[in-house]
Amino acid sequence: MEFKSTRDKSCCRICSRIGHQSLHNSVDEALLLKRKAEEVQFELNGRCIYLVGMMGSGKSTVGKILAEVLGYSYFDSDSLVEQAVGMPSVAQIFKVHSEAFFRDSESSVLRDLSSMHRLVVATGGGAVIRPVNWRYMKKGLSIMLDVPLDALAKRIAQVGTASRPLLDQPSADPYTAAFTKLSLLAEQRGDAYANADVRVSLEELAAKKGHDDVSQLTPTDIAVEALQKIKNFVTEHSMASGPFDDL
């Protein structure tokens, strides 16, 4: 009985240390995120931020973090299209109408958003394929989240493809099906993604932090890196002047 009591006390001490360390790390991350946001807010001058990247790259998760820390409003362009069309999902819009119909609606949403300020917008994976959408997004600042295809395929295979009409196809091996289709989409859209003002490579970020896999990165890690990249970009391009004076 005494051994059990000693072991329990030891476990409590270990758990307490782990909990304290986790809390300490969370506080450090939050403070770093806040400081990075403060460093770029003036230079952004209220301009919108558009997140682009392949499906499953984390645009929505990172976008919500950026919006909160910058004091911006957050929107998901796919959700806005669903609301405008009156359908519950992009997959259903594709099925009932067509991909072309969805793309037209998507462009209309981005056009409307481009006239606003202080927004973080998570775009759909294919929003980059239409040049007109870039005309709208270039009124703000665009950030590409670059995630290795194998990591994307693993994420999508875990959650399923029912909500992703370009990937939803019968297959005995969801990972292989997702990876094959993602590889094709990446090849088709590579040049379009290169139009983004800022690129956040999760592979490079993981290596910088000493991680073996991008899955070890937290959304906050990615948001902090995005803010640093934004700071570098606005400093190099003097975005607080010139076309920003119309605000």
Protein backbone atom coordinates (compact mmCIF):
# COMPACT_ATOMS: atom_id res chain seq x y z
CA MET A 1 0.00 0.00 0.00
CA GLU A 2 2.87 2.36 0.82
CA PHE A 3 4.45 1.62 -2.57
CA LYS A 4 1.21 2.53 -4.33
CA SER A 5 1.00 5.77 -2.41
CA THR A 6 4.59 6.72 -3.25
CA ARG A 7 4.04 5.86 -6.91
CA ASP A 8 0.86 7.95 -7.02
CA LYS A 9 2.67 10.92 -5.52
CA SER A 10 5.48 10.52 -8.03
CA CYS A 11 3.02 10.37 -10.92
CA CYS A 12 1.31 13.49 -9.63
CA ARG A 13 4.63 15.33 -9.52
CA ILE A 14 5.46 14.22 -13.08
CA CYS A 15 2.02 15.17 -14.37
CA SER A 16 2.31 18.49 -12.59
CA ARG A 17 5.64 19.20 -14.29
CA ILE A 18 4.26 18.18 -17.69
CA GLY A 19 1.20 20.35 -17.19
CA HIS A 20 3.31 23.30 -16.07
CA GLN A 21 5.61 22.92 -19.07
CA SER A 22 2.65 22.70 -21.45
CA LEU A 23 1.12 25.82 -19.95
CA HIS A 24 4.47 27.63 -20.12
CA ASN A 25 4.83 26.73 -23.80
CA SER A 26 1.29 27.88 -24.54
CA VAL A 27 1.89 31.21 -22.86
CA ASP A 28 5.17 31.68 -24.74
CA GLU A 29 3.44 30.88 -28.05
CA ALA A 30 0.61 33.31 -27.31
CA LEU A 31 3.01 36.12 -26.40
CA LEU A 32 5.13 35.53 -29.50
CA LEU A 33 2.03 35.50 -31.68
CA LYS A 34 0.80 38.77 -30.15
CA ARG A 35 4.17 40.45 -30.61
CA LYS A 36 4.44 39.37 -34.24
CA ALA A 37 0.93 40.68 -34.92
CA GLU A 38 1.78 44.04 -33.37
CA GLU A 39 4.85 44.28 -35.60
CA VAL A 40 2.82 44.00 -38.83
CA GLN A 41 -0.46 45.71 -38.01
CA PHE A 42 0.68 49.22 -38.94
CA GLU A 43 2.32 48.09 -42.19
CA LEU A 44 -0.77 46.14 -43.21
CA ASN A 45 -2.79 49.34 -42.93
CA GLY A 46 -6.06 47.38 -42.79
CA ARG A 47 -5.49 45.43 -45.98
CA CYS A 48 -7.13 42.03 -46.30
CA ILE A 49 -5.16 38.79 -46.03
CA TYR A 50 -6.00 35.91 -48.37
CA LEU A 51 -4.84 32.41 -47.54
CA VAL A 52 -4.31 30.13 -50.54
CA GLY A 53 -3.11 26.57 -50.82
CA MET A 54 -4.18 23.02 -51.53
CA MET A 55 -7.22 21.52 -49.87
CA GLY A 56 -6.41 20.33 -46.36
CA SER A 57 -3.46 22.71 -45.97
CA GLY A 58 -4.91 24.32 -42.83
CA LYS A 59 -6.07 27.64 -44.31
CA SER A 60 -9.17 27.82 -42.10
CA THR A 61 -7.38 26.96 -38.87
CA VAL A 62 -4.48 29.35 -39.43
CA GLY A 63 -6.81 32.00 -40.82
CA LYS A 64 -8.91 32.08 -37.65
CA ILE A 65 -5.78 32.49 -35.52
CA LEU A 66 -4.49 35.34 -37.68
CA ALA A 67 -7.87 37.09 -37.66
CA GLU A 68 -8.13 36.91 -33.89
CA VAL A 69 -4.62 38.17 -33.17
CA LEU A 70 -4.81 40.97 -35.76
CA GLY A 71 -8.29 42.07 -34.73
CA TYR A 72 -9.62 41.20 -38.20
CA SER A 73 -12.84 39.46 -39.24
CA TYR A 74 -12.55 35.95 -40.62
CA PHE A 75 -14.35 34.54 -43.66
CA ASP A 76 -14.20 31.25 -45.53
CA SER A 77 -14.92 31.77 -49.23
CA ASP A 78 -16.38 28.27 -49.66
CA SER A 79 -18.85 28.92 -46.83
CA LEU A 80 -19.85 32.24 -48.37
CA VAL A 81 -20.52 30.54 -51.71
CA GLU A 82 -22.63 27.91 -49.96
CA GLN A 83 -24.67 30.66 -48.28
CA ALA A 84 -25.08 32.62 -51.51
CA VAL A 85 -26.21 29.55 -53.47
CA GLY A 86 -28.33 28.19 -50.63
CA MET A 87 -26.71 24.78 -50.47
CA PRO A 88 -25.05 23.06 -47.49
CA SER A 89 -21.79 22.03 -49.16
CA VAL A 90 -19.43 22.63 -52.07
CA ALA A 91 -19.82 18.96 -52.98
CA GLN A 92 -23.55 19.42 -53.46
CA ILE A 93 -23.03 22.57 -55.57
CA PHE A 94 -20.68 20.59 -57.82
CA LYS A 95 -23.25 17.78 -58.08
CA VAL A 96 -26.39 19.84 -58.67
CA HIS A 97 -24.82 22.56 -60.80
CA SER A 98 -21.20 22.21 -61.94
CA GLU A 99 -17.66 23.16 -61.06
CA ALA A 100 -17.90 26.11 -63.48
CA PHE A 101 -21.00 27.37 -61.65
CA PHE A 102 -19.15 27.12 -58.35
CA ARG A 103 -16.10 28.96 -59.76
CA ASP A 104 -18.33 31.80 -61.01
CA SER A 105 -19.90 32.13 -57.57
CA GLU A 106 -16.47 31.97 -55.94
CA SER A 107 -15.22 34.83 -58.11
CA SER A 108 -18.27 36.91 -57.19
CA VAL A 109 -17.58 36.33 -53.49
CA LEU A 110 -13.91 37.31 -53.82
CA ARG A 111 -14.88 40.41 -55.81
CA ASP A 112 -17.19 41.54 -53.00
CA LEU A 113 -14.62 40.79 -50.29
CA SER A 114 -11.90 42.69 -52.15
CA SER A 115 -13.77 45.97 -51.59
CA MET A 116 -13.56 45.52 -47.81
CA HIS A 117 -10.77 45.93 -45.26
CA ARG A 118 -9.44 44.13 -42.19
CA LEU A 119 -10.45 40.63 -43.28
CA VAL A 120 -8.66 37.30 -43.24
CA VAL A 121 -10.10 35.11 -46.00
CA ALA A 122 -9.47 31.38 -46.35
CA THR A 123 -9.97 30.59 -50.03
CA GLY A 124 -10.84 27.29 -51.66
CA GLY A 125 -7.99 25.24 -53.06
CA GLY A 126 -8.92 26.02 -56.65
CA ALA A 127 -9.53 29.76 -56.26
CA VAL A 128 -6.07 30.42 -57.68
CA ILE A 129 -6.82 29.04 -61.13
CA ARG A 130 -8.78 32.08 -62.32
CA PRO A 131 -6.67 35.17 -63.10
CA VAL A 132 -9.58 37.45 -62.16
CA ASN A 133 -9.44 36.10 -58.61
CA TRP A 134 -5.82 37.18 -58.35
CA ARG A 135 -6.85 40.66 -59.43
CA TYR A 136 -9.17 40.76 -56.44
CA MET A 137 -6.68 39.20 -54.00
CA LYS A 138 -3.86 41.50 -55.08
CA LYS A 139 -5.79 44.35 -53.48
CA GLY A 140 -4.64 42.77 -50.24
CA LEU A 141 -1.88 40.36 -49.34
CA SER A 142 -1.88 36.66 -50.22
CA ILE A 143 -0.21 33.87 -48.27
CA MET A 144 0.34 30.37 -49.60
CA LEU A 145 0.47 27.53 -47.10
CA ASP A 146 2.81 25.02 -48.74
CA VAL A 147 2.29 21.56 -47.24
CA PRO A 148 4.02 18.39 -48.54
CA LEU A 149 1.62 16.29 -50.61
CA ASP A 150 2.13 13.16 -48.54
CA ALA A 151 1.11 15.05 -45.40
CA LEU A 152 -1.97 16.42 -47.17
CA ALA A 153 -2.93 12.96 -48.42
CA LYS A 154 -2.65 11.53 -44.90
CA ARG A 155 -4.85 14.28 -43.46
CA ILE A 156 -7.51 13.88 -46.13
CA ALA A 157 -7.46 10.07 -45.97
CA GLN A 158 -8.10 10.27 -42.21
CA VAL A 159 -11.16 12.54 -42.46
CA GLY A 160 -12.54 11.27 -45.77
CA THR A 161 -13.21 12.92 -49.12
CA ALA A 162 -17.01 13.32 -49.06
CA SER A 163 -16.70 17.10 -48.60
CA ARG A 164 -14.03 17.42 -51.31
CA PRO A 165 -15.68 16.86 -54.70
CA LEU A 166 -12.43 16.83 -56.69
CA LEU A 167 -11.12 13.95 -54.57
CA ASP A 168 -14.28 11.99 -53.84
CA GLN A 169 -13.85 8.78 -55.79
CA PRO A 170 -14.18 5.10 -54.81
CA SER A 171 -10.90 3.53 -53.85
CA ALA A 172 -9.71 0.71 -51.65
CA ASP A 173 -6.81 2.90 -50.58
CA PRO A 174 -7.89 6.47 -49.66
CA TYR A 175 -4.30 7.64 -49.17
CA THR A 176 -3.14 6.51 -52.61
CA ALA A 177 -6.22 7.98 -54.29
CA ALA A 178 -5.77 11.29 -52.45
CA PHE A 179 -2.04 11.48 -53.14
CA THR A 180 -2.50 10.73 -56.86
CA LYS A 181 -5.18 13.39 -57.32
CA LEU A 182 -3.36 15.95 -55.18
CA SER A 183 -0.21 15.44 -57.24
CA LEU A 184 -2.15 16.17 -60.41
CA LEU A 185 -3.80 19.25 -58.93
CA ALA A 186 -0.46 20.52 -57.61
CA GLU A 187 1.05 20.19 -61.07
CA GLN A 188 -1.87 22.02 -62.66
CA ARG A 189 -1.92 24.81 -60.08
CA GLY A 190 1.76 25.20 -59.28
CA ASP A 191 2.29 28.33 -61.37
CA ALA A 192 -0.92 29.86 -60.01
CA TYR A 193 0.10 29.33 -56.39
CA ALA A 194 3.41 31.03 -57.17
CA ASN A 195 1.47 34.31 -57.55
CA ALA A 196 1.08 34.52 -53.77
CA ASP A 197 2.94 37.38 -52.11
CA VAL A 198 4.15 35.18 -49.26
CA ARG A 199 4.93 31.47 -49.10
CA VAL A 200 4.98 29.55 -45.83
CA SER A 201 6.70 26.20 -46.33
CA LEU A 202 5.76 23.80 -43.55
CA GLU A 203 8.65 21.55 -44.53
CA GLU A 204 11.16 24.36 -44.05
CA LEU A 205 9.48 25.49 -40.83
CA ALA A 206 9.57 21.97 -39.39
CA ALA A 207 13.28 21.65 -40.20
CA LYS A 208 13.98 25.03 -38.61
CA LYS A 209 12.27 23.88 -35.42
CA GLY A 210 14.06 20.54 -35.40
CA HIS A 211 10.98 18.45 -36.18
CA ASP A 212 11.08 15.30 -38.26
CA ASP A 213 7.56 15.73 -39.57
CA VAL A 214 5.31 18.69 -40.40
CA SER A 215 2.58 17.07 -38.29
CA GLN A 216 4.59 18.14 -35.23
CA LEU A 217 3.97 21.80 -36.03
CA THR A 218 1.13 23.54 -34.21
CA PRO A 219 -1.27 25.94 -35.94
CA THR A 220 0.27 28.68 -33.80
CA ASP A 221 3.74 27.80 -35.14
CA ILE A 222 2.42 28.28 -38.66
CA ALA A 223 0.59 31.51 -37.80
CA VAL A 224 3.73 32.98 -36.23
CA GLU A 225 5.75 32.06 -39.32
CA ALA A 226 3.09 33.62 -41.56
CA LEU A 227 3.25 36.88 -39.59
CA GLN A 228 7.04 36.93 -39.86
CA LYS A 229 6.82 36.37 -43.61
CA ILE A 230 4.26 39.18 -43.86
CA LYS A 231 6.58 41.48 -41.95
CA ASN A 232 9.45 40.66 -44.29
CA PHE A 233 7.29 41.25 -47.33
CA VAL A 234 5.82 44.57 -46.26
CA THR A 235 9.26 45.81 -45.20
CA GLU A 236 10.79 44.90 -48.55
CA HIS A 237 7.93 46.33 -50.61
CA SER A 238 7.09 49.38 -48.49
CA MET A 239 3.45 48.39 -48.43
CA ALA A 240 2.55 51.15 -45.98
CA SER A 241 2.87 53.65 -48.85
CA GLY A 242 1.89 53.84 -52.49
CA PRO A 243 -1.25 51.83 -53.28
CA PHE A 244 -2.12 51.65 -49.59
CA ASP A 245 -2.73 55.40 -49.34
CA ASP A 246 -6.33 55.03 -50.52
CA LEU A 247 -7.43 53.66 -47.16
